[in-house]
C-alpha cells in the first residue's frame, strides 16, 4: 500500500461549506417554501375528521379501480386507524405528496429536454445514474447542513432519490412516439410546441404515468430514512422501534407503510390505463386538429364568394 490518497471527502466538504456560506439565503428561502408547502398539505390531511379523508380516498379508489378496490381501501384505512397510526400515516402521505409533486415538476421538463436534445440527454444520463446509485443516506448529510433537522431535509433527499425514473421514462415515452405521426403534424404546419402538447405528450402519457408511479413509490420508500432526520410520519415510530427493538411497534408502522404503498401504487397506475377519451387513442385526431389550424390549410381554402 502507498501513502497516496486523494482527499475527495475534504473537497466535498469544502464545496458544501462554500455553498452554505454563499447561498445561505437561497437555501433559507427554499426551506421556507418547502416547509410551508408541507404544512399546508399536512393541514389538509390531518385537520379534517378522519372519516372525511377516508371517504375521499375510498371515492378515489372507486373512481380509479372500482368498488372492490374501494372496499379494500376502506379496510386498509380502518386498519391504520385501529393501530393508532392515522396521524403518522397522514404525515407520511403529506411528505410523499409534496416530494412527488416537486420531483415530477422537475423531472418531466427535464425528460422533455432530454428527448428533444441528444446533448442534454448525454449530459443527464451520468447524473441520473449517480443519483440512483448513491446511497440515500448520503443525501441526508448535505441536506442536514443546508436545511437543518426537520421535514425539509427529508423532502430534499426524497426528491433527489426519486426523480430519476421520472426523467428517464418521460424521455423514453416521447422518443417512443411514432415518427410518422410527428412528421404528419409538421407537414400540416403545426409548431413544435403544438406537436409536443397535442401529439407527443398524449401518446407518451402511459409511459410518463409509469414514471410518476415510480417517483411516488421511491418517495414512499424514503419514509424511514426521512424519519431519521426528524421528518416525522411513519418513519418516526419505525426508527423508534428499531432503537428499542420493539417488534410490535415496528410491525404496525411497517404495515401502515405497506397499505399506503398499495393505495398509491394502484391509484397512480390506474391514471395511465383507465378509460381515457377516445381522441387520446387516435393519433389521427391530433393530426386533424393540427391540419385544421395549419397555415397551409388556411392558404388553400378559397375565399368566400361575394354575395349580391
C-alpha atoms as a PDB file:
ATOM      1  CA  UNK A   1       0.000   0.000   0.000  1.00  0.00           C
ATOM      2  CA  UNK A   2       1.184   3.510  -0.789  1.00  0.00           C
ATOM      3  CA  UNK A   3       0.631   6.689   1.166  1.00  0.00           C
ATOM      4  CA  UNK A   4      -1.028   8.333  -1.829  1.00  0.00           C
ATOM      5  CA  UNK A   5      -4.612   9.358  -1.117  1.00  0.00           C
ATOM      6  CA  UNK A   6      -6.990  11.692  -2.913  1.00  0.00           C
ATOM      7  CA  UNK A   7      -8.791  13.926  -0.393  1.00  0.00           C
ATOM      8  CA  UNK A   8     -12.148  13.611  -2.171  1.00  0.00           C
ATOM      9  CA  UNK A   9     -14.036  13.831   1.105  1.00  0.00           C
ATOM     10  CA  UNK A  10     -12.277  17.065   2.029  1.00  0.00           C
ATOM     11  CA  UNK A  11     -13.075  18.518  -1.389  1.00  0.00           C
ATOM     12  CA  UNK A  12     -16.745  17.633  -0.970  1.00  0.00           C
ATOM     13  CA  UNK A  13     -16.767  19.205   2.486  1.00  0.00           C
ATOM     14  CA  UNK A  14     -15.178  22.375   1.123  1.00  0.00           C
ATOM     15  CA  UNK A  15     -17.800  22.569  -1.625  1.00  0.00           C
ATOM     16  CA  UNK A  16     -20.643  22.186   0.881  1.00  0.00           C
ATOM     17  CA  UNK A  17     -19.108  24.831   3.150  1.00  0.00           C
ATOM     18  CA  UNK A  18     -18.733  27.218   0.205  1.00  0.00           C
ATOM     19  CA  UNK A  19     -22.317  26.646  -0.944  1.00  0.00           C
ATOM     20  CA  UNK A  20     -23.620  27.102   2.600  1.00  0.00           C
ATOM     21  CA  UNK A  21     -21.743  30.368   3.037  1.00  0.00           C
ATOM     22  CA  UNK A  22     -22.506  31.921  -0.344  1.00  0.00           C
ATOM     23  CA  UNK A  23     -26.026  30.655  -0.977  1.00  0.00           C
ATOM     24  CA  UNK A  24     -27.291  30.541   2.593  1.00  0.00           C
ATOM     25  CA  UNK A  25     -30.200  32.979   1.987  1.00  0.00           C
ATOM     26  CA  UNK A  26     -31.299  30.970  -1.066  1.00  0.00           C
ATOM     27  CA  UNK A  27     -31.481  27.758   0.940  1.00  0.00           C
ATOM     28  CA  UNK A  28     -33.300  29.578   3.727  1.00  0.00           C
ATOM     29  CA  UNK A  29     -35.915  30.643   1.179  1.00  0.00           C
ATOM     30  CA  UNK A  30     -36.185  27.084  -0.178  1.00  0.00           C
ATOM     31  CA  UNK A  31     -36.573  25.829   3.393  1.00  0.00           C
ATOM     32  CA  UNK A  32     -39.381  28.323   3.967  1.00  0.00           C
ATOM     33  CA  UNK A  33     -41.209  27.371   0.749  1.00  0.00           C
ATOM     34  CA  UNK A  34     -40.900  23.600   1.208  1.00  0.00           C
ATOM     35  CA  UNK A  35     -41.859  23.775   4.862  1.00  0.00           C
ATOM     36  CA  UNK A  36     -44.881  25.947   4.084  1.00  0.00           C
ATOM     37  CA  UNK A  37     -45.956  23.621   1.276  1.00  0.00           C
ATOM     38  CA  UNK A  38     -45.682  20.609   3.567  1.00  0.00           C
ATOM     39  CA  UNK A  39     -47.557  22.325   6.405  1.00  0.00           C
ATOM     40  CA  UNK A  40     -50.409  23.243   4.046  1.00  0.00           C
ATOM     41  CA  UNK A  41     -50.774  19.709   2.667  1.00  0.00           C
ATOM     42  CA  UNK A  42     -50.413  18.187   6.126  1.00  0.00           C
ATOM     43  CA  UNK A  43     -53.126  20.502   7.470  1.00  0.00           C
ATOM     44  CA  UNK A  44     -55.475  19.385   4.690  1.00  0.00           C
ATOM     45  CA  UNK A  45     -54.926  15.736   5.646  1.00  0.00           C
ATOM     46  CA  UNK A  46     -54.751  15.981   9.443  1.00  0.00           C
ATOM     47  CA  UNK A  47     -57.136  18.879  10.063  1.00  0.00           C
ATOM     48  CA  UNK A  48     -60.465  17.324   8.956  1.00  0.00           C
ATOM     49  CA  UNK A  49     -62.031  14.378  10.829  1.00  0.00           C
ATOM     50  CA  UNK A  50     -60.592  11.016   9.819  1.00  0.00           C
ATOM     51  CA  UNK A  51     -63.828   9.891   8.171  1.00  0.00           C
ATOM     52  CA  UNK A  52     -63.698  12.815   5.706  1.00  0.00           C
ATOM     53  CA  UNK A  53     -60.252  11.834   4.424  1.00  0.00           C
ATOM     54  CA  UNK A  54     -61.290   8.192   4.441  1.00  0.00           C
ATOM     55  CA  UNK A  55     -64.367   8.916   2.301  1.00  0.00           C
ATOM     56  CA  UNK A  56     -62.261  10.935  -0.147  1.00  0.00           C
ATOM     57  CA  UNK A  57     -59.686   8.144  -0.528  1.00  0.00           C
ATOM     58  CA  UNK A  58     -62.389   5.476  -0.850  1.00  0.00           C
ATOM     59  CA  UNK A  59     -64.141   7.572  -3.513  1.00  0.00           C
ATOM     60  CA  UNK A  60     -60.844   7.931  -5.389  1.00  0.00           C
ATOM     61  CA  UNK A  61     -60.362   4.175  -5.188  1.00  0.00           C
ATOM     62  CA  UNK A  62     -63.852   3.531  -6.546  1.00  0.00           C
ATOM     63  CA  UNK A  63     -63.354   6.061  -9.363  1.00  0.00           C
ATOM     64  CA  UNK A  64     -59.968   4.658 -10.347  1.00  0.00           C
ATOM     65  CA  UNK A  65     -60.317   0.901  -9.826  1.00  0.00           C
ATOM     66  CA  UNK A  66     -63.916   0.045  -8.995  1.00  0.00           C
ATOM     67  CA  UNK A  67     -65.886  -0.970  -5.925  1.00  0.00           C
ATOM     68  CA  UNK A  68     -63.636  -3.901  -4.974  1.00  0.00           C
ATOM     69  CA  UNK A  69     -60.566  -1.699  -4.637  1.00  0.00           C
ATOM     70  CA  UNK A  70     -62.663   0.917  -2.814  1.00  0.00           C
ATOM     71  CA  UNK A  71     -63.666  -1.764  -0.306  1.00  0.00           C
ATOM     72  CA  UNK A  72     -60.027  -2.788   0.141  1.00  0.00           C
ATOM     73  CA  UNK A  73     -59.078   0.864   0.616  1.00  0.00           C
ATOM     74  CA  UNK A  74     -61.678   1.245   3.357  1.00  0.00           C
ATOM     75  CA  UNK A  75     -60.466  -1.900   5.137  1.00  0.00           C
ATOM     76  CA  UNK A  76     -56.830  -0.792   4.924  1.00  0.00           C
ATOM     77  CA  UNK A  77     -57.555   2.702   6.224  1.00  0.00           C
ATOM     78  CA  UNK A  78     -59.659   1.307   9.077  1.00  0.00           C
ATOM     79  CA  UNK A  79     -56.736  -0.964   9.949  1.00  0.00           C
ATOM     80  CA  UNK A  80     -54.391   2.047  10.064  1.00  0.00           C
ATOM     81  CA  UNK A  81     -56.891   3.853  12.279  1.00  0.00           C
ATOM     82  CA  UNK A  82     -57.245   0.827  14.554  1.00  0.00           C
ATOM     83  CA  UNK A  83     -53.464   0.619  15.007  1.00  0.00           C
ATOM     84  CA  UNK A  84     -53.446   4.289  16.110  1.00  0.00           C
ATOM     85  CA  UNK A  85     -51.202   5.239  13.193  1.00  0.00           C
ATOM     86  CA  UNK A  86     -53.644   7.536  11.397  1.00  0.00           C
ATOM     87  CA  UNK A  87     -51.900  10.834  12.111  1.00  0.00           C
ATOM     88  CA  UNK A  88     -48.484   9.363  11.314  1.00  0.00           C
ATOM     89  CA  UNK A  89     -49.880   7.939   8.080  1.00  0.00           C
ATOM     90  CA  UNK A  90     -51.300  11.320   7.062  1.00  0.00           C
ATOM     91  CA  UNK A  91     -47.964  13.000   7.867  1.00  0.00           C
ATOM     92  CA  UNK A  92     -46.251  10.429   5.666  1.00  0.00           C
ATOM     93  CA  UNK A  93     -48.812  10.909   2.895  1.00  0.00           C
ATOM     94  CA  UNK A  94     -48.214  14.670   3.025  1.00  0.00           C
ATOM     95  CA  UNK A  95     -44.446  14.131   2.816  1.00  0.00           C
ATOM     96  CA  UNK A  96     -44.835  11.776  -0.147  1.00  0.00           C
ATOM     97  CA  UNK A  97     -47.242  14.077  -1.991  1.00  0.00           C
ATOM     98  CA  UNK A  98     -45.059  17.160  -1.553  1.00  0.00           C
ATOM     99  CA  UNK A  99     -41.884  15.320  -2.568  1.00  0.00           C
ATOM    100  CA  UNK A 100     -43.550  13.613  -5.527  1.00  0.00           C
ATOM    101  CA  UNK A 101     -45.177  16.812  -6.823  1.00  0.00           C
ATOM    102  CA  UNK A 102     -41.876  18.688  -6.743  1.00  0.00           C
ATOM    103  CA  UNK A 103     -39.955  15.739  -8.227  1.00  0.00           C
ATOM    104  CA  UNK A 104     -42.476  15.338 -11.064  1.00  0.00           C
ATOM    105  CA  UNK A 105     -42.479  19.096 -11.729  1.00  0.00           C
ATOM    106  CA  UNK A 106     -38.707  18.888 -12.204  1.00  0.00           C
ATOM    107  CA  UNK A 107     -38.396  15.509 -13.920  1.00  0.00           C
ATOM    108  CA  UNK A 108     -40.987  15.892 -16.694  1.00  0.00           C
ATOM    109  CA  UNK A 109     -39.465  19.095 -18.167  1.00  0.00           C
ATOM    110  CA  UNK A 110     -36.006  17.517 -17.910  1.00  0.00           C
ATOM    111  CA  UNK A 111     -37.311  14.409 -19.680  1.00  0.00           C
ATOM    112  CA  UNK A 112     -38.794  16.562 -22.445  1.00  0.00           C
ATOM    113  CA  UNK A 113     -35.469  18.385 -22.778  1.00  0.00           C
ATOM    114  CA  UNK A 114     -33.615  15.073 -22.978  1.00  0.00           C
ATOM    115  CA  UNK A 115     -35.993  13.786 -25.655  1.00  0.00           C
ATOM    116  CA  UNK A 116     -35.526  16.880 -27.808  1.00  0.00           C
ATOM    117  CA  UNK A 117     -31.765  17.280 -27.354  1.00  0.00           C
ATOM    118  CA  UNK A 118     -29.317  14.388 -27.537  1.00  0.00           C
ATOM    119  CA  UNK A 119     -26.640  16.589 -25.972  1.00  0.00           C
ATOM    120  CA  UNK A 120     -28.827  17.264 -22.941  1.00  0.00           C
ATOM    121  CA  UNK A 121     -29.661  13.558 -22.734  1.00  0.00           C
ATOM    122  CA  UNK A 122     -25.977  12.609 -22.816  1.00  0.00           C
ATOM    123  CA  UNK A 123     -25.246  15.096 -20.019  1.00  0.00           C
ATOM    124  CA  UNK A 124     -28.156  13.986 -17.849  1.00  0.00           C
ATOM    125  CA  UNK A 125     -27.585  10.225 -18.074  1.00  0.00           C
ATOM    126  CA  UNK A 126     -24.463  10.029 -15.868  1.00  0.00           C
ATOM    127  CA  UNK A 127     -26.057  12.465 -13.406  1.00  0.00           C
ATOM    128  CA  UNK A 128     -29.168  10.283 -13.184  1.00  0.00           C
ATOM    129  CA  UNK A 129     -27.014   7.173 -12.788  1.00  0.00           C
ATOM    130  CA  UNK A 130     -25.193   8.887  -9.936  1.00  0.00           C
ATOM    131  CA  UNK A 131     -28.472   9.878  -8.278  1.00  0.00           C
ATOM    132  CA  UNK A 132     -29.863   6.344  -8.497  1.00  0.00           C
ATOM    133  CA  UNK A 133     -26.766   4.508  -7.297  1.00  0.00           C
ATOM    134  CA  UNK A 134     -25.648   6.818  -4.490  1.00  0.00           C
ATOM    135  CA  UNK A 135     -26.949   5.507  -1.124  1.00  0.00           C
ATOM    136  CA  UNK A 136     -29.883   7.573   0.074  1.00  0.00           C
ATOM    137  CA  UNK A 137     -28.267   8.125   3.475  1.00  0.00           C
ATOM    138  CA  UNK A 138     -25.509  10.141   1.790  1.00  0.00           C
ATOM    139  CA  UNK A 139     -28.040  12.722   0.581  1.00  0.00           C
ATOM    140  CA  UNK A 140     -29.028  13.448   4.167  1.00  0.00           C
ATOM    141  CA  UNK A 141     -25.603  14.774   5.180  1.00  0.00           C
ATOM    142  CA  UNK A 142     -25.528  17.908   2.961  1.00  0.00           C
ATOM    143  CA  UNK A 143     -29.314  18.249   3.321  1.00  0.00           C
ATOM    144  CA  UNK A 144     -28.951  18.440   7.097  1.00  0.00           C
ATOM    145  CA  UNK A 145     -26.193  21.034   6.779  1.00  0.00           C
ATOM    146  CA  UNK A 146     -28.154  23.173   4.323  1.00  0.00           C
ATOM    147  CA  UNK A 147     -31.678  22.843   5.747  1.00  0.00           C
ATOM    148  CA  UNK A 148     -31.247  21.787   9.392  1.00  0.00           C
ATOM    149  CA  UNK A 149     -33.132  18.993  11.169  1.00  0.00           C
ATOM    150  CA  UNK A 150     -36.781  18.599  10.268  1.00  0.00           C
ATOM    151  CA  UNK A 151     -39.051  17.696   7.416  1.00  0.00           C
ATOM    152  CA  UNK A 152     -37.270  19.754   4.717  1.00  0.00           C
ATOM    153  CA  UNK A 153     -34.050  17.651   4.617  1.00  0.00           C
ATOM    154  CA  UNK A 154     -36.260  14.585   4.211  1.00  0.00           C
ATOM    155  CA  UNK A 155     -38.134  16.232   1.342  1.00  0.00           C
ATOM    156  CA  UNK A 156     -34.923  17.290  -0.418  1.00  0.00           C
ATOM    157  CA  UNK A 157     -33.326  13.850  -0.059  1.00  0.00           C
ATOM    158  CA  UNK A 158     -36.543  12.215  -1.265  1.00  0.00           C
ATOM    159  CA  UNK A 159     -36.706  14.458  -4.338  1.00  0.00           C
ATOM    160  CA  UNK A 160     -33.121  13.676  -5.325  1.00  0.00           C
ATOM    161  CA  UNK A 161     -33.616   9.961  -4.716  1.00  0.00           C
ATOM    162  CA  UNK A 162     -36.919   9.625  -6.586  1.00  0.00           C
ATOM    163  CA  UNK A 163     -36.819  11.936  -9.599  1.00  0.00           C
ATOM    164  CA  UNK A 164     -34.516   9.878 -11.870  1.00  0.00           C
ATOM    165  CA  UNK A 165     -37.213   7.411 -13.085  1.00  0.00           C
ATOM    166  CA  UNK A 166     -39.480  10.332 -13.939  1.00  0.00           C
ATOM    167  CA  UNK A 167     -36.817  11.864 -16.185  1.00  0.00           C
ATOM    168  CA  UNK A 168     -35.911   8.573 -17.852  1.00  0.00           C
ATOM    169  CA  UNK A 169     -39.470   7.406 -18.551  1.00  0.00           C
ATOM    170  CA  UNK A 170     -40.593  10.818 -19.803  1.00  0.00           C
ATOM    171  CA  UNK A 171     -37.718  10.852 -22.277  1.00  0.00           C
ATOM    172  CA  UNK A 172     -38.422   7.246 -23.242  1.00  0.00           C
ATOM    173  CA  UNK A 173     -42.118   7.911 -23.787  1.00  0.00           C
ATOM    174  CA  UNK A 174     -41.586  10.941 -26.010  1.00  0.00           C
ATOM    175  CA  UNK A 175     -38.848   9.237 -28.029  1.00  0.00           C
ATOM    176  CA  UNK A 176     -41.171   6.258 -28.485  1.00  0.00           C
ATOM    177  CA  UNK A 177     -43.892   8.261 -30.228  1.00  0.00           C
ATOM    178  CA  UNK A 178     -44.364   7.141 -33.826  1.00  0.00           C
ATOM    179  CA  UNK A 179     -42.194   9.352 -36.037  1.00  0.00           C
ATOM    180  CA  UNK A 180     -44.768   9.244 -38.844  1.00  0.00           C
ATOM    181  CA  UNK A 181     -47.382  10.870 -36.609  1.00  0.00           C
ATOM    182  CA  UNK A 182     -44.957  13.638 -35.659  1.00  0.00           C
ATOM    183  CA  UNK A 183     -43.964  14.166 -39.298  1.00  0.00           C
ATOM    184  CA  UNK A 184     -47.624  14.355 -40.286  1.00  0.00           C
ATOM    185  CA  UNK A 185     -48.159  17.083 -37.724  1.00  0.00           C
ATOM    186  CA  UNK A 186     -45.218  19.058 -39.077  1.00  0.00           C
ATOM    187  CA  UNK A 187     -46.472  18.518 -42.625  1.00  0.00           C
ATOM    188  CA  UNK A 188     -49.757  20.178 -41.704  1.00  0.00           C
ATOM    189  CA  UNK A 189     -47.905  23.197 -40.337  1.00  0.00           C
ATOM    190  CA  UNK A 190     -48.116  22.510 -36.603  1.00  0.00           C
ATOM    191  CA  UNK A 191     -45.485  24.219 -34.485  1.00  0.00           C
ATOM    192  CA  UNK A 192     -43.063  22.168 -32.339  1.00  0.00           C
ATOM    193  CA  UNK A 193     -44.880  23.345 -29.214  1.00  0.00           C
ATOM    194  CA  UNK A 194     -48.223  22.181 -30.616  1.00  0.00           C
ATOM    195  CA  UNK A 195     -46.665  18.873 -31.673  1.00  0.00           C
ATOM    196  CA  UNK A 196     -45.407  18.358 -28.135  1.00  0.00           C
ATOM    197  CA  UNK A 197     -48.659  19.363 -26.464  1.00  0.00           C
ATOM    198  CA  UNK A 198     -51.173  17.661 -28.768  1.00  0.00           C
ATOM    199  CA  UNK A 199     -49.290  14.656 -30.143  1.00  0.00           C
ATOM    200  CA  UNK A 200     -46.209  13.615 -28.198  1.00  0.00           C
ATOM    201  CA  UNK A 201     -47.379  14.136 -24.615  1.00  0.00           C
ATOM    202  CA  UNK A 202     -50.794  12.441 -25.079  1.00  0.00           C
ATOM    203  CA  UNK A 203     -49.240   9.439 -26.822  1.00  0.00           C
ATOM    204  CA  UNK A 204     -46.454   9.212 -24.238  1.00  0.00           C
ATOM    205  CA  UNK A 205     -48.872   9.619 -21.305  1.00  0.00           C
ATOM    206  CA  UNK A 206     -48.898   5.921 -20.231  1.00  0.00           C
ATOM    207  CA  UNK A 207     -45.102   5.813 -20.076  1.00  0.00           C
ATOM    208  CA  UNK A 208     -44.939   9.168 -18.298  1.00  0.00           C
ATOM    209  CA  UNK A 209     -47.517   7.983 -15.752  1.00  0.00           C
ATOM    210  CA  UNK A 210     -45.396   4.885 -15.163  1.00  0.00           C
ATOM    211  CA  UNK A 211     -42.560   7.255 -14.314  1.00  0.00           C
ATOM    212  CA  UNK A 212     -44.829   9.210 -11.957  1.00  0.00           C
ATOM    213  CA  UNK A 213     -45.778   5.940 -10.294  1.00  0.00           C
ATOM    214  CA  UNK A 214     -42.120   5.082  -9.772  1.00  0.00           C
ATOM    215  CA  UNK A 215     -41.439   8.553  -8.357  1.00  0.00           C
ATOM    216  CA  UNK A 216     -44.220   8.107  -5.788  1.00  0.00           C
ATOM    217  CA  UNK A 217     -43.096   4.611  -4.816  1.00  0.00           C
ATOM    218  CA  UNK A 218     -39.493   5.713  -4.356  1.00  0.00           C
ATOM    219  CA  UNK A 219     -40.694   8.693  -2.328  1.00  0.00           C
ATOM    220  CA  UNK A 220     -42.573   6.348  -0.023  1.00  0.00           C
ATOM    221  CA  UNK A 221     -39.530   4.116   0.309  1.00  0.00           C
ATOM    222  CA  UNK A 222     -37.652   7.091   1.806  1.00  0.00           C
ATOM    223  CA  UNK A 223     -40.072   7.332   4.741  1.00  0.00           C
ATOM    224  CA  UNK A 224     -37.833   5.532   7.217  1.00  0.00           C
ATOM    225  CA  UNK A 225     -34.722   7.448   6.178  1.00  0.00           C
ATOM    226  CA  UNK A 226     -36.590  10.757   6.399  1.00  0.00           C
ATOM    227  CA  UNK A 227     -37.704   9.789   9.895  1.00  0.00           C
ATOM    228  CA  UNK A 228     -34.069   9.675  10.964  1.00  0.00           C
ATOM    229  CA  UNK A 229     -33.715  13.424  10.403  1.00  0.00           C
ATOM    230  CA  UNK A 230     -36.878  14.415  12.228  1.00  0.00           C
ATOM    231  CA  UNK A 231     -39.325  14.330   9.320  1.00  0.00           C
ATOM    232  CA  UNK A 232     -41.962  12.575  11.418  1.00  0.00           C
ATOM    233  CA  UNK A 233     -44.654  10.403   9.906  1.00  0.00           C
ATOM    234  CA  UNK A 234     -44.437   6.628   9.937  1.00  0.00           C
ATOM    235  CA  UNK A 235     -40.655   6.823   9.785  1.00  0.00           C
ATOM    236  CA  UNK A 236     -40.510   8.091  13.376  1.00  0.00           C
ATOM    237  CA  UNK A 237     -42.130   5.018  15.022  1.00  0.00           C
ATOM    238  CA  UNK A 238     -40.093   2.715  12.772  1.00  0.00           C
ATOM    239  CA  UNK A 239     -36.855   4.379  13.872  1.00  0.00           C
ATOM    240  CA  UNK A 240     -38.081   4.288  17.459  1.00  0.00           C
ATOM    241  CA  UNK A 241     -38.925   0.590  17.173  1.00  0.00           C
ATOM    242  CA  UNK A 242     -35.508  -0.090  15.672  1.00  0.00           C
ATOM    243  CA  UNK A 243     -33.715   1.674  18.518  1.00  0.00           C
ATOM    244  CA  UNK A 244     -35.757  -0.133  21.187  1.00  0.00           C
ATOM    245  CA  UNK A 245     -36.112  -3.455  19.311  1.00  0.00           C
ATOM    246  CA  UNK A 246     -39.891  -3.094  19.582  1.00  0.00           C
ATOM    247  CA  UNK A 247     -41.259  -5.689  17.166  1.00  0.00           C
ATOM    248  CA  UNK A 248     -44.905  -4.739  17.680  1.00  0.00           C
ATOM    249  CA  UNK A 249     -44.476  -1.027  17.015  1.00  0.00           C
ATOM    250  CA  UNK A 250     -42.243  -1.685  14.028  1.00  0.00           C
ATOM    251  CA  UNK A 251     -44.739  -4.150  12.531  1.00  0.00           C
ATOM    252  CA  UNK A 252     -47.670  -1.753  12.947  1.00  0.00           C
ATOM    253  CA  UNK A 253     -45.844   1.183  11.368  1.00  0.00           C
ATOM    254  CA  UNK A 254     -44.453  -1.029   8.607  1.00  0.00           C
ATOM    255  CA  UNK A 255     -47.915  -2.423   7.847  1.00  0.00           C
ATOM    256  CA  UNK A 256     -49.265   1.124   7.589  1.00  0.00           C
ATOM    257  CA  UNK A 257     -46.498   1.933   5.081  1.00  0.00           C
ATOM    258  CA  UNK A 258     -47.444  -1.140   3.036  1.00  0.00           C
ATOM    259  CA  UNK A 259     -51.122  -0.124   2.970  1.00  0.00           C
ATOM    260  CA  UNK A 260     -50.235   3.385   1.808  1.00  0.00           C
ATOM    261  CA  UNK A 261     -47.879   1.943  -0.818  1.00  0.00           C
ATOM    262  CA  UNK A 262     -50.576  -0.326  -2.262  1.00  0.00           C
ATOM    263  CA  UNK A 263     -53.104   2.509  -2.286  1.00  0.00           C
ATOM    264  CA  UNK A 264     -50.797   4.998  -4.006  1.00  0.00           C
ATOM    265  CA  UNK A 265     -49.453   2.418  -6.454  1.00  0.00           C
ATOM    266  CA  UNK A 266     -52.890   1.315  -7.643  1.00  0.00           C
ATOM    267  CA  UNK A 267     -54.230   4.855  -7.874  1.00  0.00           C
ATOM    268  CA  UNK A 268     -51.316   6.232  -9.886  1.00  0.00           C
ATOM    269  CA  UNK A 269     -51.073   3.138 -12.083  1.00  0.00           C
ATOM    270  CA  UNK A 270     -54.755   3.451 -12.971  1.00  0.00           C
ATOM    271  CA  UNK A 271     -54.363   7.067 -14.102  1.00  0.00           C
ATOM    272  CA  UNK A 272     -52.355   5.939 -17.123  1.00  0.00           C
ATOM    273  CA  UNK A 273     -54.535   2.953 -18.029  1.00  0.00           C
ATOM    274  CA  UNK A 274     -58.136   3.764 -17.072  1.00  0.00           C
ATOM    275  CA  UNK A 275     -60.666   4.895 -19.633  1.00  0.00           C
ATOM    276  CA  UNK A 276     -59.307   7.892 -21.499  1.00  0.00           C
ATOM    277  CA  UNK A 277     -61.052   9.984 -24.123  1.00  0.00           C
ATOM    278  CA  UNK A 278     -61.071   8.292 -27.489  1.00  0.00           C
ATOM    279  CA  UNK A 279     -59.134  11.142 -29.065  1.00  0.00           C
ATOM    280  CA  UNK A 280     -56.117  10.192 -26.916  1.00  0.00           C
ATOM    281  CA  UNK A 281     -56.077   6.778 -28.557  1.00  0.00           C
ATOM    282  CA  UNK A 282     -56.296   8.116 -32.106  1.00  0.00           C
ATOM    283  CA  UNK A 283     -53.283   9.983 -33.454  1.00  0.00           C
ATOM    284  CA  UNK A 284     -55.349  10.939 -36.489  1.00  0.00           C
ATOM    285  CA  UNK A 285     -57.492  13.188 -34.300  1.00  0.00           C
ATOM    286  CA  UNK A 286     -54.456  15.200 -33.268  1.00  0.00           C
ATOM    287  CA  UNK A 287     -53.231  15.285 -36.855  1.00  0.00           C
ATOM    288  CA  UNK A 288     -56.625  16.545 -37.990  1.00  0.00           C
ATOM    289  CA  UNK A 289     -56.559  19.184 -35.250  1.00  0.00           C
ATOM    290  CA  UNK A 290     -53.148  20.328 -36.463  1.00  0.00           C
ATOM    291  CA  UNK A 291     -54.467  20.328 -40.029  1.00  0.00           C
ATOM    292  CA  UNK A 292     -57.460  22.484 -39.116  1.00  0.00           C
ATOM    293  CA  UNK A 293     -55.176  25.107 -37.539  1.00  0.00           C
ATOM    294  CA  UNK A 294     -52.388  24.914 -40.095  1.00  0.00           C
ATOM    295  CA  UNK A 295     -51.391  27.916 -42.232  1.00  0.00           C
ATOM    296  CA  UNK A 296     -51.226  25.640 -45.277  1.00  0.00           C
ATOM    297  CA  UNK A 297     -54.915  24.809 -44.989  1.00  0.00           C
ATOM    298  CA  UNK A 298     -55.828  28.443 -44.464  1.00  0.00           C
ATOM    299  CA  UNK A 299     -53.986  29.406 -47.650  1.00  0.00           C
ATOM    300  CA  UNK A 300     -55.528  26.543 -49.614  1.00  0.00           C
ATOM    301  CA  UNK A 301     -59.122  27.420 -48.697  1.00  0.00           C
ATOM    302  CA  UNK A 302     -60.786  29.627 -51.323  1.00  0.00           C
ATOM    303  CA  UNK A 303     -62.118  32.983 -50.289  1.00  0.00           C
ATOM    304  CA  UNK A 304     -65.909  33.086 -49.825  1.00  0.00           C
ATOM    305  CA  UNK A 305     -67.830  34.287 -52.841  1.00  0.00           C
ATOM    306  CA  UNK A 306     -69.216  37.769 -52.662  1.00  0.00           C
ATOM    307  CA  UNK A 307     -72.974  37.993 -52.348  1.00  0.00           C
ATOM    308  CA  UNK A 308     -75.001  40.324 -54.469  1.00  0.00           C
END
